[in-house]
Amino acid sequence: MSKYEADITPLIRRFLISTALLLIAAVVCAGLTRTRRLMEKTHDGLLKASAGLGRVREASESREKALAILKTLYMQSAASTSPERQIYAKVDELTARLRPDDQTITTIARTGIEVSLQYTFKFINPSYSEFLNNVSYLGGSVFPLTTVSTVVIAQSEAGGKSLLTCTVTGKIITSEKIGP
């Protein structure tokens, strides 16, 4: 090994070590910068979420107040009306809203605390959307509860014309005892 090589070898070692240390420092700095940016994003998201949390609490409290008022009004109305009257009022409401071509209702039946009435509504040549809306309204009615047991769609001919008859059968149900 020449004197020149002996003099340059420690310099090369120092250069390689310092380059490696500089590279490690650069990678650590890049990682720290990325982590800082992610933490800033997370912090901003948390600030937005905490601001939204207040609005959610307010909406929840408002909803609870509205439900309490509705429950109070409902209980007062339901407690002051007999189950028979509730059911017959529902039949009148359904007849006025749905306007069936024919309807049949049974007498009111009592089973324990349940008070119910069977109904059958017939619609002749209804439009498809009108019929779906009627069945949907019957199935979605909550007080007194209106159920849909069967839906029958039949096609027949009368006087050379095709008739589409849609029959909906169900039950209107309420309770003898309302409230706690």
N, C-alpha and C. Protein backbone atom coordinates (compact mmCIF):
# COMPACT_ATOMS: atom_id res chain seq x y z
N MET A 1 0.84 -1.15 0.00
CA MET A 1 0.00 0.00 0.00
C MET A 1 0.90 1.23 0.00
N SER A 2 0.56 2.12 -0.84
CA SER A 2 1.38 3.31 -1.00
C SER A 2 1.00 4.35 0.05
N LYS A 3 1.87 5.30 0.17
CA LYS A 3 1.65 6.35 1.15
C LYS A 3 0.39 7.13 0.78
N TYR A 4 0.16 7.28 -0.52
CA TYR A 4 -1.02 8.00 -0.99
C TYR A 4 -2.30 7.25 -0.57
N GLU A 5 -2.31 5.94 -0.76
CA GLU A 5 -3.47 5.13 -0.37
C GLU A 5 -3.65 5.15 1.13
N ALA A 6 -2.58 5.13 1.89
CA ALA A 6 -2.65 5.16 3.35
C ALA A 6 -3.20 6.49 3.83
N ASP A 7 -2.89 7.57 3.13
CA ASP A 7 -3.39 8.88 3.53
C ASP A 7 -4.86 9.06 3.14
N ILE A 8 -5.28 8.49 2.05
CA ILE A 8 -6.64 8.69 1.57
C ILE A 8 -7.65 7.74 2.22
N THR A 9 -7.26 6.58 2.68
CA THR A 9 -8.17 5.59 3.26
C THR A 9 -8.94 6.15 4.45
N PRO A 10 -8.33 6.82 5.43
CA PRO A 10 -9.14 7.38 6.51
C PRO A 10 -10.10 8.46 6.02
N LEU A 11 -9.72 9.19 5.00
CA LEU A 11 -10.62 10.22 4.47
C LEU A 11 -11.86 9.58 3.82
N ILE A 12 -11.61 8.49 3.09
CA ILE A 12 -12.74 7.78 2.45
C ILE A 12 -13.68 7.23 3.54
N ARG A 13 -13.09 6.64 4.57
CA ARG A 13 -13.91 6.12 5.68
C ARG A 13 -14.74 7.23 6.31
N ARG A 14 -14.10 8.35 6.57
CA ARG A 14 -14.81 9.47 7.18
C ARG A 14 -15.92 9.98 6.25
N PHE A 15 -15.59 10.04 4.95
CA PHE A 15 -16.59 10.49 3.98
C PHE A 15 -17.80 9.54 3.96
N LEU A 16 -17.55 8.24 3.92
CA LEU A 16 -18.64 7.25 3.90
C LEU A 16 -19.46 7.31 5.19
N ILE A 17 -18.77 7.44 6.32
CA ILE A 17 -19.48 7.52 7.60
C ILE A 17 -20.31 8.80 7.66
N SER A 18 -19.73 9.91 7.25
CA SER A 18 -20.48 11.17 7.31
C SER A 18 -21.64 11.15 6.30
N THR A 19 -21.44 10.54 5.13
CA THR A 19 -22.53 10.42 4.15
C THR A 19 -23.65 9.56 4.71
N ALA A 20 -23.31 8.45 5.34
CA ALA A 20 -24.32 7.56 5.94
C ALA A 20 -25.08 8.29 7.05
N LEU A 21 -24.34 9.02 7.89
CA LEU A 21 -25.00 9.78 8.95
C LEU A 21 -25.90 10.87 8.39
N LEU A 22 -25.45 11.55 7.33
CA LEU A 22 -26.26 12.58 6.69
C LEU A 22 -27.52 11.97 6.06
N LEU A 23 -27.37 10.82 5.44
CA LEU A 23 -28.51 10.12 4.84
C LEU A 23 -29.52 9.70 5.92
N ILE A 24 -29.03 9.17 7.02
CA ILE A 24 -29.91 8.78 8.14
C ILE A 24 -30.63 10.01 8.68
N ALA A 25 -29.91 11.13 8.84
CA ALA A 25 -30.51 12.36 9.34
C ALA A 25 -31.59 12.86 8.37
N ALA A 26 -31.35 12.76 7.07
CA ALA A 26 -32.33 13.20 6.06
C ALA A 26 -33.59 12.34 6.12
N VAL A 27 -33.43 11.03 6.25
CA VAL A 27 -34.58 10.12 6.32
C VAL A 27 -35.38 10.40 7.60
N VAL A 28 -34.69 10.61 8.71
CA VAL A 28 -35.38 10.90 9.98
C VAL A 28 -36.14 12.23 9.86
N CYS A 29 -35.51 13.23 9.28
CA CYS A 29 -36.19 14.53 9.11
C CYS A 29 -37.42 14.40 8.21
N ALA A 30 -37.30 13.66 7.12
CA ALA A 30 -38.45 13.46 6.22
C ALA A 30 -39.57 12.73 6.95
N GLY A 31 -39.22 11.72 7.73
CA GLY A 31 -40.23 10.99 8.50
C GLY A 31 -40.90 11.86 9.54
N LEU A 32 -40.12 12.69 10.20
CA LEU A 32 -40.69 13.60 11.21
C LEU A 32 -41.60 14.64 10.56
N THR A 33 -41.19 15.13 9.39
CA THR A 33 -42.04 16.10 8.68
C THR A 33 -43.36 15.47 8.28
N ARG A 34 -43.32 14.26 7.78
CA ARG A 34 -44.55 13.55 7.39
C ARG A 34 -45.43 13.30 8.61
N THR A 35 -44.82 12.87 9.70
CA THR A 35 -45.58 12.61 10.92
C THR A 35 -46.21 13.91 11.43
N ARG A 36 -45.47 15.01 11.37
CA ARG A 36 -46.01 16.30 11.81
C ARG A 36 -47.23 16.70 10.97
N ARG A 37 -47.13 16.51 9.64
CA ARG A 37 -48.26 16.85 8.77
C ARG A 37 -49.48 15.98 9.08
N LEU A 38 -49.25 14.69 9.29
CA LEU A 38 -50.37 13.80 9.64
C LEU A 38 -51.00 14.20 10.97
N MET A 39 -50.16 14.58 11.92
CA MET A 39 -50.68 15.00 13.23
C MET A 39 -51.47 16.30 13.11
N GLU A 40 -51.02 17.22 12.25
CA GLU A 40 -51.76 18.46 12.03
C GLU A 40 -53.13 18.17 11.41
N LYS A 41 -53.15 17.24 10.44
CA LYS A 41 -54.42 16.85 9.81
C LYS A 41 -55.36 16.23 10.84
N THR A 42 -54.82 15.36 11.67
CA THR A 42 -55.63 14.71 12.71
C THR A 42 -56.14 15.76 13.69
N HIS A 43 -55.30 16.71 14.05
CA HIS A 43 -55.70 17.77 14.97
C HIS A 43 -56.84 18.60 14.38
N ASP A 44 -56.72 18.96 13.10
CA ASP A 44 -57.78 19.71 12.43
C ASP A 44 -59.08 18.91 12.40
N GLY A 45 -58.97 17.62 12.11
CA GLY A 45 -60.16 16.76 12.10
C GLY A 45 -60.80 16.69 13.47
N LEU A 46 -60.00 16.59 14.51
CA LEU A 46 -60.53 16.55 15.88
C LEU A 46 -61.21 17.87 16.25
N LEU A 47 -60.63 19.00 15.81
CA LEU A 47 -61.26 20.29 16.08
C LEU A 47 -62.63 20.38 15.40
N LYS A 48 -62.69 19.93 14.13
CA LYS A 48 -63.97 19.94 13.42
C LYS A 48 -64.97 19.01 14.08
N ALA A 49 -64.52 17.84 14.51
CA ALA A 49 -65.42 16.88 15.16
C ALA A 49 -65.92 17.42 16.49
N SER A 50 -65.06 18.07 17.25
CA SER A 50 -65.51 18.61 18.54
C SER A 50 -66.48 19.76 18.33
N ALA A 51 -66.30 20.54 17.27
CA ALA A 51 -67.26 21.61 16.96
C ALA A 51 -68.60 20.99 16.55
N GLY A 52 -68.56 19.92 15.79
CA GLY A 52 -69.79 19.24 15.37
C GLY A 52 -70.48 18.54 16.52
N LEU A 53 -69.72 18.11 17.50
CA LEU A 53 -70.28 17.42 18.66
C LEU A 53 -71.26 18.31 19.40
N GLY A 54 -70.95 19.57 19.50
CA GLY A 54 -71.88 20.51 20.16
C GLY A 54 -73.19 20.60 19.40
N ARG A 55 -73.11 20.66 18.08
CA ARG A 55 -74.33 20.72 17.27
C ARG A 55 -75.13 19.42 17.39
N VAL A 56 -74.44 18.30 17.47
CA VAL A 56 -75.13 17.01 17.62
C VAL A 56 -75.83 16.96 18.97
N ARG A 57 -75.16 17.44 20.02
CA ARG A 57 -75.79 17.47 21.35
C ARG A 57 -77.04 18.33 21.35
N GLU A 58 -76.94 19.52 20.73
CA GLU A 58 -78.10 20.41 20.66
C GLU A 58 -79.26 19.75 19.91
N ALA A 59 -78.95 19.12 18.79
CA ALA A 59 -79.99 18.45 18.00
C ALA A 59 -80.61 17.31 18.79
N SER A 60 -79.79 16.57 19.51
CA SER A 60 -80.29 15.45 20.31
C SER A 60 -81.20 15.95 21.43
N GLU A 61 -80.80 17.02 22.09
CA GLU A 61 -81.64 17.58 23.16
C GLU A 61 -82.94 18.10 22.59
N SER A 62 -82.87 18.76 21.43
CA SER A 62 -84.08 19.26 20.78
C SER A 62 -85.01 18.12 20.41
N ARG A 63 -84.45 17.04 19.89
CA ARG A 63 -85.24 15.87 19.53
C ARG A 63 -85.90 15.25 20.75
N GLU A 64 -85.16 15.15 21.84
CA GLU A 64 -85.71 14.58 23.07
C GLU A 64 -86.88 15.42 23.59
N LYS A 65 -86.73 16.75 23.55
CA LYS A 65 -87.80 17.64 23.99
C LYS A 65 -89.04 17.46 23.12
N ALA A 66 -88.83 17.41 21.80
CA ALA A 66 -89.96 17.24 20.88
C ALA A 66 -90.66 15.91 21.11
N LEU A 67 -89.88 14.85 21.32
CA LEU A 67 -90.48 13.53 21.59
C LEU A 67 -91.27 13.54 22.89
N ALA A 68 -90.76 14.20 23.90
CA ALA A 68 -91.48 14.27 25.18
C ALA A 68 -92.80 15.00 25.01
N ILE A 69 -92.78 16.10 24.25
CA ILE A 69 -94.02 16.85 24.01
C ILE A 69 -95.02 16.00 23.22
N LEU A 70 -94.53 15.33 22.16
CA LEU A 70 -95.42 14.47 21.37
C LEU A 70 -95.99 13.33 22.19
N LYS A 71 -95.16 12.72 23.03
CA LYS A 71 -95.62 11.62 23.86
C LYS A 71 -96.70 12.08 24.82
N THR A 72 -96.50 13.26 25.42
CA THR A 72 -97.50 13.80 26.34
C THR A 72 -98.81 14.06 25.61
N LEU A 73 -98.73 14.70 24.44
CA LEU A 73 -99.95 14.98 23.68
C LEU A 73 -100.63 13.69 23.22
N TYR A 74 -99.84 12.72 22.78
CA TYR A 74 -100.38 11.45 22.32
C TYR A 74 -101.09 10.73 23.46
N MET A 75 -100.45 10.66 24.61
CA MET A 75 -101.04 9.95 25.74
C MET A 75 -102.33 10.62 26.19
N GLN A 76 -102.36 11.95 26.19
CA GLN A 76 -103.59 12.65 26.58
C GLN A 76 -104.71 12.34 25.59
N SER A 77 -104.38 12.38 24.29
CA SER A 77 -105.38 12.12 23.26
C SER A 77 -105.85 10.67 23.29
N ALA A 78 -104.92 9.74 23.42
CA ALA A 78 -105.26 8.32 23.41
C ALA A 78 -106.03 7.93 24.67
N ALA A 79 -105.68 8.52 25.80
CA ALA A 79 -106.35 8.16 27.05
C ALA A 79 -107.77 8.70 27.08
N SER A 80 -108.03 9.79 26.36
CA SER A 80 -109.37 10.39 26.41
C SER A 80 -110.30 9.82 25.34
N THR A 81 -109.81 8.93 24.48
CA THR A 81 -110.62 8.37 23.40
C THR A 81 -110.72 6.86 23.58
N SER A 82 -111.91 6.33 23.40
CA SER A 82 -112.09 4.88 23.55
C SER A 82 -111.44 4.16 22.37
N PRO A 83 -111.05 2.89 22.57
CA PRO A 83 -110.43 2.13 21.48
C PRO A 83 -111.35 2.00 20.25
N GLU A 84 -112.65 1.83 20.49
CA GLU A 84 -113.60 1.72 19.38
C GLU A 84 -113.61 3.00 18.55
N ARG A 85 -113.60 4.12 19.25
CA ARG A 85 -113.62 5.41 18.56
C ARG A 85 -112.33 5.61 17.77
N GLN A 86 -111.21 5.20 18.33
CA GLN A 86 -109.94 5.30 17.63
C GLN A 86 -109.97 4.49 16.34
N ILE A 87 -110.50 3.26 16.43
CA ILE A 87 -110.54 2.37 15.26
C ILE A 87 -111.49 2.92 14.20
N TYR A 88 -112.69 3.35 14.61
CA TYR A 88 -113.64 3.87 13.62
C TYR A 88 -113.14 5.18 13.00
N ALA A 89 -112.43 5.99 13.77
CA ALA A 89 -111.84 7.20 13.21
C ALA A 89 -110.78 6.84 12.17
N LYS A 90 -110.02 5.77 12.44
CA LYS A 90 -109.01 5.32 11.49
C LYS A 90 -109.66 4.80 10.21
N VAL A 91 -110.78 4.06 10.35
CA VAL A 91 -111.51 3.57 9.17
C VAL A 91 -111.99 4.76 8.34
N ASP A 92 -112.54 5.77 9.00
CA ASP A 92 -113.00 6.97 8.27
C ASP A 92 -111.84 7.65 7.56
N GLU A 93 -110.70 7.76 8.24
CA GLU A 93 -109.52 8.39 7.65
C GLU A 93 -109.05 7.61 6.42
N LEU A 94 -108.97 6.28 6.55
CA LEU A 94 -108.52 5.45 5.44
C LEU A 94 -109.48 5.53 4.26
N THR A 95 -110.78 5.50 4.53
CA THR A 95 -111.78 5.58 3.47
C THR A 95 -111.67 6.91 2.73
N ALA A 96 -111.51 8.00 3.49
CA ALA A 96 -111.41 9.32 2.86
C ALA A 96 -110.12 9.45 2.05
N ARG A 97 -109.03 8.91 2.56
CA ARG A 97 -107.73 9.07 1.87
C ARG A 97 -107.59 8.13 0.68
N LEU A 98 -107.96 6.85 0.85
CA LEU A 98 -107.72 5.86 -0.18
C LEU A 98 -108.83 5.77 -1.22
N ARG A 99 -110.05 6.14 -0.86
CA ARG A 99 -111.23 6.09 -1.73
C ARG A 99 -111.36 4.73 -2.43
N PRO A 100 -111.54 3.65 -1.66
CA PRO A 100 -111.69 2.34 -2.31
C PRO A 100 -113.02 2.25 -3.05
N ASP A 101 -113.07 1.38 -4.07
CA ASP A 101 -114.31 1.18 -4.81
C ASP A 101 -115.29 0.33 -4.01
N ASP A 102 -114.79 -0.51 -3.14
CA ASP A 102 -115.64 -1.33 -2.26
C ASP A 102 -114.85 -1.59 -0.99
N GLN A 103 -115.56 -1.62 0.12
CA GLN A 103 -114.88 -1.91 1.38
C GLN A 103 -115.78 -2.75 2.27
N THR A 104 -115.13 -3.59 3.06
CA THR A 104 -115.84 -4.43 4.02
C THR A 104 -115.08 -4.34 5.33
N ILE A 105 -115.83 -4.13 6.41
CA ILE A 105 -115.21 -4.14 7.73
C ILE A 105 -116.00 -5.10 8.61
N THR A 106 -115.30 -5.71 9.56
CA THR A 106 -115.96 -6.62 10.49
C THR A 106 -116.26 -5.87 11.77
N THR A 107 -116.90 -6.57 12.68
CA THR A 107 -117.14 -5.96 13.99
C THR A 107 -115.84 -5.95 14.77
N ILE A 108 -115.81 -5.14 15.77
CA ILE A 108 -114.61 -5.03 16.59
C ILE A 108 -114.46 -6.27 17.45
N ALA A 109 -113.23 -6.80 17.47
CA ALA A 109 -112.92 -8.00 18.26
C ALA A 109 -111.97 -7.60 19.39
N ARG A 110 -112.15 -8.24 20.54
CA ARG A 110 -111.28 -7.99 21.70
C ARG A 110 -110.58 -9.29 22.07
N THR A 111 -109.26 -9.21 22.18
CA THR A 111 -108.45 -10.34 22.61
C THR A 111 -107.51 -9.83 23.68
N GLY A 112 -107.80 -10.12 24.92
CA GLY A 112 -106.99 -9.57 26.01
C GLY A 112 -107.13 -8.06 26.02
N ILE A 113 -106.01 -7.35 25.92
CA ILE A 113 -106.09 -5.89 25.88
C ILE A 113 -106.08 -5.36 24.45
N GLU A 114 -105.97 -6.27 23.46
CA GLU A 114 -105.96 -5.87 22.06
C GLU A 114 -107.37 -5.70 21.54
N VAL A 115 -107.61 -4.60 20.87
CA VAL A 115 -108.89 -4.33 20.24
C VAL A 115 -108.59 -4.18 18.74
N SER A 116 -109.31 -4.95 17.90
CA SER A 116 -108.98 -4.92 16.48
C SER A 116 -110.22 -5.01 15.61
N LEU A 117 -110.02 -4.70 14.33
CA LEU A 117 -111.09 -4.74 13.35
C LEU A 117 -110.47 -5.17 12.03
N GLN A 118 -111.07 -6.13 11.34
CA GLN A 118 -110.60 -6.59 10.03
C GLN A 118 -111.19 -5.69 8.95
N TYR A 119 -110.41 -5.40 7.92
CA TYR A 119 -110.91 -4.60 6.80
C TYR A 119 -110.53 -5.26 5.49
N THR A 120 -111.31 -4.96 4.45
CA THR A 120 -110.99 -5.37 3.08
C THR A 120 -111.32 -4.19 2.18
N PHE A 121 -110.34 -3.72 1.43
CA PHE A 121 -110.54 -2.63 0.49
C PHE A 121 -110.32 -3.18 -0.91
N LYS A 122 -111.24 -2.86 -1.84
CA LYS A 122 -111.10 -3.26 -3.24
C LYS A 122 -110.94 -2.02 -4.09
N PHE A 123 -109.96 -2.10 -4.99
CA PHE A 123 -109.71 -1.02 -5.93
C PHE A 123 -109.83 -1.60 -7.33
N ILE A 124 -110.66 -0.97 -8.17
CA ILE A 124 -110.87 -1.46 -9.52
C ILE A 124 -110.13 -0.53 -10.48
N ASN A 125 -109.26 -1.15 -11.31
CA ASN A 125 -108.44 -0.44 -12.29
C ASN A 125 -107.66 0.75 -11.69
N PRO A 126 -106.96 0.54 -10.59
CA PRO A 126 -106.16 1.66 -10.07
C PRO A 126 -104.88 1.80 -10.89
N SER A 127 -104.30 2.99 -10.85
CA SER A 127 -102.99 3.13 -11.48
C SER A 127 -101.98 2.42 -10.57
N TYR A 128 -100.90 1.98 -11.16
CA TYR A 128 -99.90 1.22 -10.41
C TYR A 128 -99.35 2.04 -9.24
N SER A 129 -99.00 3.29 -9.51
CA SER A 129 -98.42 4.13 -8.46
C SER A 129 -99.44 4.43 -7.37
N GLU A 130 -100.68 4.66 -7.76
CA GLU A 130 -101.74 4.92 -6.77
C GLU A 130 -101.94 3.70 -5.87
N PHE A 131 -101.96 2.52 -6.46
CA PHE A 131 -102.14 1.31 -5.67
C PHE A 131 -100.97 1.09 -4.71
N LEU A 132 -99.73 1.26 -5.20
CA LEU A 132 -98.56 1.12 -4.32
C LEU A 132 -98.58 2.14 -3.19
N ASN A 133 -98.97 3.36 -3.51
CA ASN A 133 -99.06 4.39 -2.47
C ASN A 133 -100.10 4.01 -1.41
N ASN A 134 -101.23 3.47 -1.85
CA ASN A 134 -102.28 3.07 -0.91
C ASN A 134 -101.80 1.94 0.01
N VAL A 135 -101.18 0.93 -0.56
CA VAL A 135 -100.68 -0.19 0.26
C VAL A 135 -99.57 0.29 1.20
N SER A 136 -98.71 1.15 0.69
CA SER A 136 -97.64 1.71 1.53
C SER A 136 -98.21 2.53 2.68
N TYR A 137 -99.24 3.31 2.40
CA TYR A 137 -99.86 4.11 3.46
C TYR A 137 -100.49 3.20 4.52
N LEU A 138 -101.16 2.15 4.06
CA LEU A 138 -101.77 1.22 5.02
C LEU A 138 -100.71 0.55 5.89
N GLY A 139 -99.63 0.12 5.28
CA GLY A 139 -98.57 -0.56 6.03
C GLY A 139 -97.78 0.37 6.92
N GLY A 140 -97.78 1.65 6.63
CA GLY A 140 -96.98 2.60 7.40
C GLY A 140 -97.75 3.35 8.47
N SER A 141 -99.04 3.10 8.56
CA SER A 141 -99.86 3.80 9.54
C SER A 141 -99.58 3.27 10.93
N VAL A 142 -99.31 4.17 11.87
CA VAL A 142 -98.82 3.75 13.18
C VAL A 142 -99.90 3.75 14.26
N PHE A 143 -100.72 4.78 14.35
CA PHE A 143 -101.71 4.81 15.43
C PHE A 143 -103.07 5.10 14.90
N PRO A 144 -104.03 4.25 15.17
CA PRO A 144 -103.85 2.86 15.58
C PRO A 144 -103.12 2.09 14.50
N LEU A 145 -102.45 1.03 14.91
CA LEU A 145 -101.63 0.24 14.00
C LEU A 145 -102.50 -0.37 12.91
N THR A 146 -102.07 -0.20 11.67
CA THR A 146 -102.79 -0.77 10.53
C THR A 146 -101.86 -1.75 9.84
N THR A 147 -102.28 -3.01 9.81
CA THR A 147 -101.46 -4.04 9.16
C THR A 147 -102.08 -4.42 7.83
N VAL A 148 -101.25 -4.94 6.95
CA VAL A 148 -101.71 -5.46 5.66
C VAL A 148 -101.43 -6.96 5.68
N SER A 149 -102.49 -7.78 5.65
CA SER A 149 -102.33 -9.23 5.68
C SER A 149 -102.11 -9.81 4.29
N THR A 150 -102.99 -9.44 3.37
CA THR A 150 -102.88 -9.98 2.02
C THR A 150 -103.15 -8.90 0.98
N VAL A 151 -102.54 -9.08 -0.16
CA VAL A 151 -102.80 -8.24 -1.32
C VAL A 151 -103.05 -9.19 -2.48
N VAL A 152 -104.23 -9.07 -3.09
CA VAL A 152 -104.60 -9.95 -4.20
C VAL A 152 -104.87 -9.06 -5.42
N ILE A 153 -104.21 -9.41 -6.51
CA ILE A 153 -104.43 -8.69 -7.77
C ILE A 153 -104.99 -9.69 -8.76
N ALA A 154 -106.19 -9.40 -9.27
CA ALA A 154 -106.86 -10.32 -10.19
C ALA A 154 -107.30 -9.56 -11.43
N GLN A 155 -107.23 -10.26 -12.56
CA GLN A 155 -107.68 -9.66 -13.81
C GLN A 155 -108.86 -10.47 -14.31
N SER A 156 -109.91 -9.77 -14.76
CA SER A 156 -111.10 -10.44 -15.28
C SER A 156 -111.65 -9.62 -16.44
N GLU A 157 -112.66 -10.19 -17.09
CA GLU A 157 -113.31 -9.47 -18.19
C GLU A 157 -114.77 -9.30 -17.86
N ALA A 158 -115.28 -8.12 -18.15
CA ALA A 158 -116.70 -7.83 -17.96
C ALA A 158 -117.15 -6.95 -19.11
N GLY A 159 -118.09 -7.45 -19.88
CA GLY A 159 -118.61 -6.69 -21.01
C GLY A 159 -117.56 -6.41 -22.06
N GLY A 160 -116.63 -7.34 -22.26
CA GLY A 160 -115.60 -7.18 -23.28
C GLY A 160 -114.44 -6.29 -22.84
N LYS A 161 -114.50 -5.81 -21.62
CA LYS A 161 -113.41 -4.96 -21.11
C LYS A 161 -112.64 -5.69 -20.02
N SER A 162 -111.38 -5.46 -19.99
CA SER A 162 -110.52 -6.07 -18.98
C SER A 162 -110.57 -5.24 -17.70
N LEU A 163 -110.80 -5.93 -16.59
CA LEU A 163 -110.83 -5.26 -15.29
C LEU A 163 -109.69 -5.79 -14.42
N LEU A 164 -109.03 -4.87 -13.76
CA LEU A 164 -107.99 -5.23 -12.81
C LEU A 164 -108.53 -4.91 -11.43
N THR A 165 -108.65 -5.94 -10.60
CA THR A 165 -109.18 -5.75 -9.25
C THR A 165 -108.07 -6.01 -8.25
N CYS A 166 -107.81 -5.03 -7.41
CA CYS A 166 -106.79 -5.16 -6.37
C CYS A 166 -107.50 -5.15 -5.02
N THR A 167 -107.28 -6.21 -4.25
CA THR A 167 -107.92 -6.35 -2.95
C THR A 167 -106.86 -6.36 -1.86
N VAL A 168 -107.06 -5.52 -0.87
CA VAL A 168 -106.13 -5.43 0.26
C VAL A 168 -106.90 -5.79 1.52
N THR A 169 -106.38 -6.77 2.26
CA THR A 169 -107.01 -7.20 3.50
C THR A 169 -106.03 -6.97 4.64
N GLY A 170 -106.56 -6.53 5.76
CA GLY A 170 -105.68 -6.29 6.90
C GLY A 170 -106.47 -6.08 8.17
N LYS A 171 -105.79 -5.48 9.13
CA LYS A 171 -106.36 -5.32 10.45
C LYS A 171 -105.95 -3.97 11.02
N ILE A 172 -106.87 -3.35 11.75
CA ILE A 172 -106.56 -2.13 12.49
C ILE A 172 -106.54 -2.54 13.95
N ILE A 173 -105.42 -2.25 14.62
CA ILE A 173 -105.23 -2.73 15.99
C ILE A 173 -104.91 -1.57 16.92
N THR A 174 -105.53 -1.58 18.07
CA THR A 174 -105.18 -0.65 19.15
C THR A 174 -105.24 -1.40 20.47
N SER A 175 -105.01 -0.71 21.54
CA SER A 175 -104.94 -1.36 22.83
C SER A 175 -105.99 -0.80 23.77
N GLU A 176 -106.50 -1.66 24.61
CA GLU A 176 -107.49 -1.24 25.61
C GLU A 176 -106.83 -0.32 26.62
N LYS A 177 -105.61 -0.65 26.97
CA LYS A 177 -104.88 0.12 27.99
C LYS A 177 -103.71 0.83 27.33
N ILE A 178 -103.77 2.15 27.33
CA ILE A 178 -102.70 2.97 26.76
C ILE A 178 -101.99 3.67 27.91
N GLY A 179 -100.67 3.68 27.83
CA GLY A 179 -99.91 4.41 28.83
C GLY A 179 -99.34 3.48 29.87
N PRO A 180 -98.62 4.06 30.88
CA PRO A 180 -97.95 3.23 31.88
C PRO A 180 -98.91 2.62 32.86
